[in-house]
Protein backbone atom coordinates (compact mmCIF):
# COMPACT_ATOMS: atom_id res chain seq x y z
CA MET A 1 55.81 -24.73 -51.43
CA ARG A 2 53.63 -26.42 -49.09
CA LEU A 3 51.92 -29.63 -49.81
CA THR A 4 48.15 -29.99 -49.36
CA LYS A 5 45.47 -32.70 -50.02
CA THR A 6 44.18 -33.22 -53.52
CA LEU A 7 40.70 -31.97 -53.66
CA CYS A 8 37.99 -34.21 -55.31
CA ALA A 9 36.05 -32.98 -57.81
CA GLN A 10 32.62 -33.34 -55.82
CA HIS A 11 32.48 -32.64 -51.91
CA ILE A 12 31.77 -36.08 -50.35
CA GLY A 13 29.99 -34.24 -47.20
CA TRP A 14 27.51 -32.50 -49.83
CA HIS A 15 26.62 -35.72 -51.39
CA PHE A 16 25.89 -37.05 -47.64
CA LYS A 17 23.60 -34.42 -46.87
CA LYS A 18 21.40 -34.86 -49.89
CA HIS A 19 21.29 -38.10 -49.47
CA TRP A 20 19.91 -38.01 -45.74
CA LEU A 21 17.39 -35.62 -47.04
CA VAL A 22 16.07 -38.01 -49.70
CA GLN A 23 15.99 -40.84 -47.35
CA GLY A 24 14.28 -38.97 -44.65
CA LYS A 25 11.25 -38.09 -46.80
CA ARG A 26 10.51 -41.97 -47.64
CA VAL A 27 7.06 -43.37 -46.36
CA PRO A 28 7.30 -46.16 -44.18
CA LYS A 29 5.94 -49.49 -45.97
CA GLU A 30 3.11 -51.01 -44.09
CA THR A 31 4.19 -54.58 -43.22
CA GLY A 32 0.83 -55.82 -41.48
CA ALA A 33 2.58 -56.15 -38.19
CA VAL A 34 -0.27 -53.44 -36.57
CA ALA A 35 -2.92 -55.47 -37.88
CA GLU A 36 -1.60 -58.92 -36.48
CA LEU A 37 -1.18 -57.41 -32.95
CA LEU A 38 -4.46 -55.89 -32.75
CA LYS A 39 -5.57 -59.49 -33.33
CA LEU A 40 -4.26 -60.86 -30.58
CA GLY A 41 -5.37 -57.81 -28.57
CA VAL A 42 -2.12 -56.07 -28.15
CA GLN A 43 -2.49 -52.43 -27.97
CA VAL A 44 -0.48 -50.14 -30.29
CA LYS A 45 0.72 -46.74 -29.19
CA ASN A 46 2.45 -44.08 -31.15
CA PRO A 47 6.00 -43.60 -30.12
CA GLU A 48 5.51 -39.70 -30.04
CA ASP A 49 2.80 -40.10 -27.35
CA LEU A 50 5.10 -42.05 -24.97
CA LEU A 51 8.31 -39.84 -25.60
CA ASN A 52 6.21 -36.07 -25.56
CA GLY A 53 3.46 -37.11 -22.97
CA LYS A 54 0.68 -34.44 -21.97
CA VAL A 55 1.55 -32.84 -18.78
CA GLU A 56 -1.22 -31.35 -16.88
CA ARG A 57 -0.36 -27.69 -15.75
CA LYS A 58 -2.05 -26.27 -12.40
CA ILE A 59 -3.02 -22.57 -12.30
CA VAL A 60 -1.19 -20.91 -9.38
CA ASP A 61 -2.73 -18.34 -7.99
CA ILE A 62 0.18 -15.43 -7.63
CA VAL A 63 -0.30 -11.84 -6.66
CA GLY A 64 -0.48 -9.63 -9.84
CA THR A 65 -2.08 -12.58 -11.86
CA ARG A 66 -4.36 -10.91 -14.13
CA VAL A 67 -7.75 -12.12 -13.95
CA ASN A 68 -10.89 -12.34 -15.82
CA THR A 69 -12.61 -8.66 -15.79
CA ILE A 70 -16.06 -8.75 -14.42
CA PRO A 71 -18.62 -7.18 -16.68
CA GLU A 72 -20.10 -3.77 -15.45
CA ASP A 73 -23.43 -4.41 -16.03
CA SER A 74 -26.35 -5.62 -13.60
CA SER A 75 -24.27 -8.84 -12.89
CA HIS A 76 -21.60 -7.05 -11.03
CA PRO A 77 -21.55 -7.66 -7.26
CA ASP A 78 -21.26 -3.97 -6.47
CA TRP A 79 -24.05 -3.29 -8.60
CA HIS A 80 -26.86 -0.77 -7.44
CA SER A 81 -29.95 0.45 -9.05
CA THR A 82 -29.63 4.00 -7.45
CA VAL A 83 -26.80 6.10 -8.98
CA CYS A 84 -23.98 7.53 -7.17
CA HIS A 85 -22.09 10.90 -8.09
CA SER A 86 -18.47 9.61 -7.24
CA TYR A 87 -15.93 12.12 -6.47
CA SER A 88 -12.02 11.13 -6.73
CA ASP A 89 -8.71 12.87 -6.78
CA ASN A 90 -8.97 13.51 -10.56
CA ASN A 91 -12.49 14.91 -10.59
CA VAL A 92 -13.02 18.85 -11.14
CA LEU A 93 -15.81 21.17 -9.83
CA ILE A 94 -16.84 23.01 -12.65
CA GLY A 95 -18.45 25.58 -10.36
CA GLY A 96 -15.26 26.20 -8.50
CA LEU A 97 -15.31 26.97 -4.94
CA PRO A 98 -19.09 28.19 -4.77
CA GLN A 99 -20.33 24.46 -5.85
CA ALA A 100 -17.89 22.83 -3.15
CA GLN A 101 -19.66 25.28 -0.72
CA VAL A 102 -23.23 24.19 -1.58
CA LEU A 103 -22.03 20.61 -1.91
CA THR A 104 -20.74 20.55 1.72
CA ASN A 105 -23.04 22.95 3.35
CA CYS A 106 -20.10 25.26 4.24
CA ILE A 107 -20.06 28.99 4.43
CA GLU A 108 -16.88 30.95 3.51
CA ILE A 109 -15.05 33.02 5.90
CA GLN A 110 -12.21 34.61 4.14
CA THR A 111 -9.31 34.54 7.03
CA PHE A 112 -7.88 32.19 9.18
CA PRO A 113 -9.27 31.13 12.72
CA LYS A 114 -8.41 33.69 15.66
CA GLN A 115 -5.85 31.40 17.48
CA ILE A 116 -3.68 30.75 13.90
CA GLU A 117 -3.93 34.63 12.97
CA ASP A 118 -2.59 35.27 16.47
CA VAL A 119 0.28 32.83 15.80
CA ILE A 120 1.10 34.40 12.56
CA ALA A 121 1.30 37.64 13.62
CA SER A 122 3.22 36.89 16.83
CA GLN A 123 5.90 34.25 15.91
CA GLN A 124 9.30 35.22 15.98
CA LEU A 125 11.26 32.96 13.71
CA PRO A 126 15.31 32.97 13.52
CA ASN A 127 17.10 35.15 10.69
CA SER A 128 18.08 32.04 9.31
CA ILE A 129 15.36 30.27 8.61
CA ASP A 130 14.51 32.15 5.14
CA LYS A 131 18.17 30.96 4.20
CA SER A 132 16.88 27.27 5.20
CA ILE A 133 13.62 27.48 3.21
CA ARG A 134 15.54 29.26 0.12
CA HIS A 135 18.04 25.97 0.06
CA ALA A 136 14.97 23.60 0.78
CA ILE A 137 13.28 25.01 -2.54
CA LEU A 138 16.58 24.55 -4.38
CA ALA A 139 17.17 21.46 -3.26
CA SER A 140 13.82 19.83 -4.32
CA HIS A 141 13.49 21.66 -7.80
CA VAL A 142 16.75 22.04 -9.42
CA LEU A 143 19.47 19.98 -7.10
CA ASP A 144 17.99 16.59 -6.72
CA ALA A 145 19.73 13.67 -8.91
CA GLU A 146 16.43 12.36 -10.25
CA GLN A 147 16.54 12.32 -14.19
CA VAL A 148 12.81 11.18 -15.52
CA LYS A 149 11.15 11.73 -18.87
CA LEU A 150 8.82 14.77 -17.99
CA PRO A 151 5.53 14.95 -19.51
CA LYS A 152 5.04 16.37 -23.14
CA VAL A 153 4.87 20.37 -23.23
CA ARG A 154 1.99 21.76 -26.02
CA LEU A 155 2.32 24.82 -27.68
CA PRO A 156 -1.57 26.04 -27.97
CA GLU A 157 -1.03 27.75 -31.30
CA ARG A 158 0.68 24.71 -32.59
CA PRO A 159 -1.05 21.87 -31.04
CA ALA A 160 0.19 19.04 -33.48
CA PHE A 161 3.77 20.02 -33.06
CA ASN A 162 5.83 17.66 -30.66
CA LEU A 163 8.58 19.68 -28.76
CA PRO A 164 11.59 17.53 -27.97
CA ARG A 165 10.98 15.65 -24.73
CA SER A 166 12.94 17.08 -21.51
CA TYR A 167 14.09 15.27 -18.67
CA GLY A 168 14.11 16.30 -15.05
CA ILE A 169 12.82 15.66 -11.46
CA SER A 170 9.27 14.59 -11.81
CA HIS A 171 6.19 16.49 -10.26
CA GLU A 172 5.65 14.31 -7.58
CA ARG A 173 9.12 13.88 -6.21
CA VAL A 174 9.42 17.83 -6.38
CA ASN A 175 6.58 18.11 -3.96
CA ARG A 176 7.15 15.32 -1.78
CA LEU A 177 10.79 16.69 -1.03
CA LEU A 178 9.52 19.99 -0.62
CA VAL A 179 6.84 19.13 1.69
CA ASN A 180 9.18 17.17 3.77
CA LYS A 181 12.09 19.76 3.92
CA LEU A 182 9.42 22.47 5.25
CA LEU A 183 7.82 19.93 7.51
CA HIS A 184 11.54 19.17 8.90
CA GLU A 185 12.28 22.75 9.28
CA THR A 186 8.87 23.31 11.26
CA GLU A 187 9.63 20.47 13.48
CA LYS A 188 12.89 21.64 14.49
CA LEU A 189 11.60 24.96 15.57
CA ALA A 190 8.61 23.36 17.38
CA GLY A 191 10.80 21.07 19.43
CA ARG A 192 10.61 17.53 20.61
CA SER A 193 7.71 18.49 22.88
CA VAL A 194 5.33 19.31 19.77
CA SER A 195 7.03 16.75 17.38
CA ILE A 196 6.37 14.04 19.49
CA ARG A 197 2.64 14.63 19.52
CA ARG A 198 2.45 14.43 15.75
CA LYS A 199 2.76 11.54 13.47
CA LEU A 200 3.07 11.30 9.78
CA ILE A 201 1.51 9.23 7.11
CA ASP A 202 2.39 9.39 3.45
CA ASN A 203 -0.49 8.46 0.87
CA ALA A 204 -3.43 8.17 3.15
CA THR A 205 -6.80 7.23 1.67
CA PHE A 206 -10.01 8.25 2.57
CA LYS A 207 -13.64 6.95 1.79
CA THR A 208 -16.98 8.12 2.72
CA SER A 209 -20.62 8.34 1.46
CA ILE A 210 -23.50 11.00 2.19
CA ASN A 211 -27.08 11.86 0.96
CA LYS A 212 -27.85 15.34 -0.22
CA ASP A 213 -31.18 16.51 -1.11
CA GLY A 214 -31.93 12.81 -2.59
CA ASP A 215 -28.56 12.26 -4.41
CA LEU A 216 -26.34 9.72 -3.06
CA LEU A 217 -22.47 11.12 -3.01
CA GLY A 218 -19.38 9.04 -2.88
CA PHE A 219 -16.15 10.39 -2.16
CA SER A 220 -12.69 8.55 -2.28
CA ILE A 221 -9.67 10.71 -2.21
CA ASN A 222 -5.93 10.53 -1.36
CA ALA A 223 -3.84 12.85 0.76
CA GLU A 224 0.05 12.52 -0.22
CA LYS A 225 0.81 13.57 3.39
CA VAL A 226 -1.33 13.40 6.65
CA ILE A 227 -0.29 14.59 10.08
CA PHE A 228 -2.24 13.19 12.82
CA ALA A 229 -2.21 14.13 16.54
CA ASN A 230 -3.09 13.05 19.99
CA ARG A 231 -5.24 15.80 20.69
CA ALA A 232 -8.06 16.95 18.11
CA ILE A 233 -7.91 20.58 17.05
CA GLU A 234 -10.23 22.83 19.46
CA ALA A 235 -13.34 23.98 17.56
CA VAL A 236 -13.24 27.64 16.39
CA LYS A 237 -14.99 29.99 19.21
CA GLY A 238 -17.93 32.31 18.15
CA LYS A 239 -20.70 31.66 15.66
CA PHE A 240 -20.16 32.77 12.03
CA GLU A 241 -23.15 33.93 9.55
CA GLY A 242 -23.19 33.62 6.08
CA ASP A 243 -25.56 32.36 3.02
CA LEU A 244 -24.60 29.70 0.60
CA PRO A 245 -24.19 30.84 -3.05
CA ASP A 246 -26.78 30.49 -5.49
CA LEU A 247 -25.78 28.07 -8.22
CA TYR A 248 -29.15 28.47 -10.16
CA PRO A 249 -29.68 27.08 -13.00
CA MET A 250 -26.49 24.68 -12.17
CA LYS A 251 -27.10 21.83 -9.89
CA THR A 252 -24.62 20.87 -7.18
CA THR A 253 -23.76 17.46 -8.78
CA ILE A 254 -22.78 18.68 -12.18
CA SER A 255 -19.52 17.43 -13.53
CA ILE A 256 -19.59 14.73 -10.91
CA PRO A 257 -19.47 11.41 -12.65
CA LYS A 258 -22.43 9.03 -11.98
CA HIS A 259 -21.59 5.23 -11.44
CA HIS A 260 -24.42 2.22 -10.89
CA ILE A 261 -20.97 0.41 -9.65
CA TYR A 262 -20.03 1.38 -6.04
CA GLN A 263 -19.34 0.69 -2.50
CA THR A 264 -20.81 2.84 0.50
CA ASP A 265 -18.21 1.93 2.89
CA ASN A 266 -16.55 4.32 5.32
CA PHE A 267 -12.73 3.97 5.46
CA TYR A 268 -10.67 5.81 7.93
CA PRO A 269 -6.84 4.73 7.79
CA LEU A 270 -6.26 4.54 11.42
CA ARG A 271 -8.32 2.98 14.34
CA THR A 272 -9.84 5.15 17.21
CA ASP A 273 -7.83 3.29 19.82
CA ILE A 274 -4.70 4.51 18.59
CA SER A 275 -3.30 7.34 20.21
CA CYS A 276 -2.39 9.70 17.21
CA SER A 277 -5.28 9.07 15.59
CA HIS A 278 -7.06 12.57 15.20
CA PRO A 279 -6.72 14.11 11.88
CA HIS A 280 -4.62 17.45 12.24
CA THR A 281 -3.31 18.55 8.83
CA ILE A 282 -3.40 17.27 5.18
CA PHE A 283 -1.01 17.82 2.38
CA THR A 284 -2.37 17.24 -1.41
CA VAL A 285 -0.70 17.75 -4.18
CA PHE A 286 -2.25 19.58 -7.60
CA ASN A 287 -0.78 18.40 -10.83
CA LYS A 288 -2.49 19.88 -13.78
CA ASN A 289 -1.26 16.90 -16.15
CA LEU A 290 -3.48 14.55 -14.22
CA VAL A 291 -6.37 16.96 -12.91
CA LYS A 292 -8.39 18.77 -15.67
CA ASN A 293 -11.76 19.48 -16.51
CA ALA A 294 -14.09 17.20 -18.43
CA HIS A 295 -14.04 19.26 -21.29
CA GLY A 296 -10.17 19.53 -21.33
CA SER A 297 -9.48 23.24 -20.28
CA GLY A 298 -7.14 24.17 -17.51
CA VAL A 299 -8.16 24.35 -13.72
CA THR A 300 -8.85 27.71 -12.52
CA THR A 301 -8.21 29.29 -9.11
CA SER A 302 -11.71 28.95 -7.78
CA GLN A 303 -11.64 25.26 -8.82
CA LEU A 304 -8.15 24.64 -7.01
CA GLN A 305 -9.53 26.09 -4.18
CA ALA A 306 -12.67 23.67 -4.00
CA ARG A 307 -10.41 20.87 -4.39
CA THR A 308 -8.74 21.91 -1.17
CA LEU A 309 -12.18 22.18 0.77
CA ILE A 310 -13.49 18.91 -0.86
CA LYS A 311 -10.79 17.19 0.64
CA ALA A 312 -10.86 18.50 4.01
CA PHE A 313 -14.51 17.52 3.98
CA VAL A 314 -13.96 14.13 3.08
CA VAL A 315 -11.46 13.60 5.78
CA ALA A 316 -13.65 15.08 8.72
CA ALA A 317 -16.59 12.96 7.50
CA ALA A 318 -15.02 10.00 7.61
CA ARG A 319 -13.62 10.65 10.87
CA ALA A 320 -17.20 11.54 12.31
CA ARG A 321 -18.26 8.52 10.74
CA GLN A 322 -15.79 6.63 12.48
CA LEU A 323 -16.40 8.18 15.76
CA HIS A 324 -20.16 7.97 15.63
CA GLY A 325 -21.11 5.30 13.51
CA ASP A 326 -22.74 5.34 9.66
CA SER A 327 -26.22 6.24 11.45
CA VAL A 328 -25.22 10.00 12.41
CA GLU A 329 -26.64 12.30 9.81
CA GLY A 330 -26.96 15.53 11.64
CA ALA A 331 -25.14 17.86 13.98
CA LEU A 332 -22.19 16.31 15.40
CA PRO A 333 -21.63 15.88 19.29
CA LYS A 334 -18.34 17.87 18.63
CA PRO A 335 -17.18 19.54 15.57
CA ILE A 336 -14.20 18.19 13.75
CA VAL A 337 -11.59 20.41 12.66
CA VAL A 338 -9.27 19.61 9.85
CA GLN A 339 -6.40 21.77 8.27
CA SER A 340 -6.20 21.41 4.75
CA VAL A 341 -2.86 22.69 2.45
CA GLN A 342 -2.67 21.91 -1.15
CA THR A 343 0.35 22.79 -3.21
CA ASP A 344 1.76 22.23 -6.95
CA GLY A 345 5.28 22.87 -5.81
CA ARG A 346 4.94 26.88 -6.07
CA THR A 347 1.42 28.10 -5.13
CA PHE A 348 0.35 27.15 -1.81
CA HIS A 349 -3.64 27.18 -0.70
CA PHE A 350 -4.01 27.00 2.99
CA GLY A 351 -7.74 26.31 4.69
CA VAL A 352 -9.24 25.27 7.99
CA LEU A 353 -12.64 23.26 7.51
CA GLN A 354 -14.75 23.02 11.04
CA LEU A 355 -17.32 20.17 10.32
CA ASN A 356 -20.65 20.84 12.51
CA THR A 357 -22.84 18.69 10.68
CA LEU A 358 -23.20 15.80 8.01
CA ASP A 359 -26.73 17.00 7.10
CA LEU A 360 -26.13 18.79 3.72
CA SER A 361 -29.55 19.59 3.03
CA ALA A 362 -30.58 23.23 1.76
CA ASN A 363 -32.80 23.81 4.18
CA ASN A 364 -30.39 23.01 7.26
CA PRO A 365 -29.92 25.83 9.45
CA SER A 366 -26.78 24.68 10.79
CA LYS A 367 -23.50 25.29 8.41
CA ASN A 368 -20.05 24.20 8.30
CA TYR A 369 -17.12 26.73 8.51
CA TRP A 370 -14.65 27.13 5.91
CA PHE A 371 -11.77 29.68 6.73
CA HIS A 372 -9.12 30.16 4.17
CA ARG A 373 -7.18 32.82 2.29
CA GLN A 374 -6.32 33.39 -1.36
CA ASN A 375 -3.20 31.59 -2.79
CA TYR A 376 0.07 32.22 -1.86
CA ASP A 377 3.26 31.80 -4.61
CA LEU A 378 6.35 30.63 -2.43
CA PHE A 379 8.53 32.07 -5.59
CA SER A 380 7.95 32.98 -8.84
CA GLU A 381 10.80 31.01 -10.79
CA CYS A 382 13.37 28.28 -9.67
CA SER A 383 15.64 27.18 -12.47
CA TYR A 384 19.27 27.29 -13.69
CA GLU A 385 20.83 30.52 -15.25
CA ALA A 386 24.17 30.15 -16.83
CA GLY A 387 24.97 27.09 -14.95
CA ARG A 388 24.00 28.49 -11.42
CA THR A 389 20.76 28.24 -9.46
CA HIS A 390 18.44 31.05 -9.53
CA LEU A 391 15.38 31.54 -7.22
CA THR A 392 13.36 35.01 -7.59
CA ASN A 393 10.34 36.49 -5.42
CA TYR A 394 10.80 34.36 -2.54
CA ASN A 395 7.81 34.84 -0.47
CA GLY A 396 8.74 34.05 3.29
CA ASP A 397 4.67 34.61 4.39
CA VAL A 398 4.10 30.83 3.26
CA PHE A 399 6.37 29.38 5.69
CA ARG A 400 5.03 31.66 8.42
CA ILE A 401 1.36 30.39 7.83
CA PHE A 402 3.09 26.74 7.45
CA ASN A 403 4.72 26.87 10.81
CA ALA A 404 1.46 28.42 12.29
CA PHE A 405 -0.62 25.43 11.03
CA TYR A 406 1.54 22.83 12.46
CA ASN A 407 1.70 24.07 15.90
CA ASN A 408 -1.95 24.98 16.27
């Protein structure tokens, strides 16, 4: 048997702990030393003030530091008494394409300009191009490795029911990959002689403001990808006649938010002294989870097409103000042509805007031109079936129009 130390009846360590607790609560007795020192003029300080002195902390201005919000009232530096109808990326024109036509003074021509129609009809593409486009669709929709939490899916018949969240490729990445791959195939067909005269910019911002029939309109939009060229697109030959839609009793600025805090500056992302500064084609993305009507309903086909027109108009107007100054309000010395493409990853809408005048008044005989066709579906379904990729109803006409726009 092993010999061990004899245990005491009371553990002495416990007694020491209790003793320290009791002694620590004693109140020091007043000895009168402080009073004697004060009589002699000696300053007495608290030991805690010497050991834990106050440190003055300086505020360092770091990028991203949260600043105090400025009240949104008349004291705001950007406050104006005149109200401004501000249009941004998430706004939807409730009147659809007819409202966009009246708002931008555009007449609708339901076909592309002749030079684009001729290219679409006469272009000869290699037999392997459809296979490359099919692979580009699959690579952007189902074969990419990104896995993020996708937006919630709601059932109209059961609005309060929460479905399990699914993971997959985000909407932004799908569209970015798809547009980039289509542009890559187009540049290979066009060759270096054409692609060297084009420059690409991602997430370009355009801002401008215009007066229309006594109302101030402010536009601030973002284009996910923009093609700039070293030469401006030639104006469409010929004169087109047409009437603007009648919106009565609806006003042209309905559903556009009104603000008193705004800036009326004009912004174009490139300077005029840059060789490739002419706007050629803009690519915008439509996300139904971000762009909705004010009353919560889904966006209609006419409203989607109006969005394509408005974005092309803002780019052309910002370029016109940059070239001719903010004072220009009437007919432009030379029309500005901008091509616009909008997609949600499956549906494509193509349009061409020719900006002839910045006078948007209803009695102006000069009109702007908006050439477009109806929407095109690149495919009907792209997914996995039984562990294999599946693509149905591929439409090759989309890439042929895409290629014609790039080479215009």
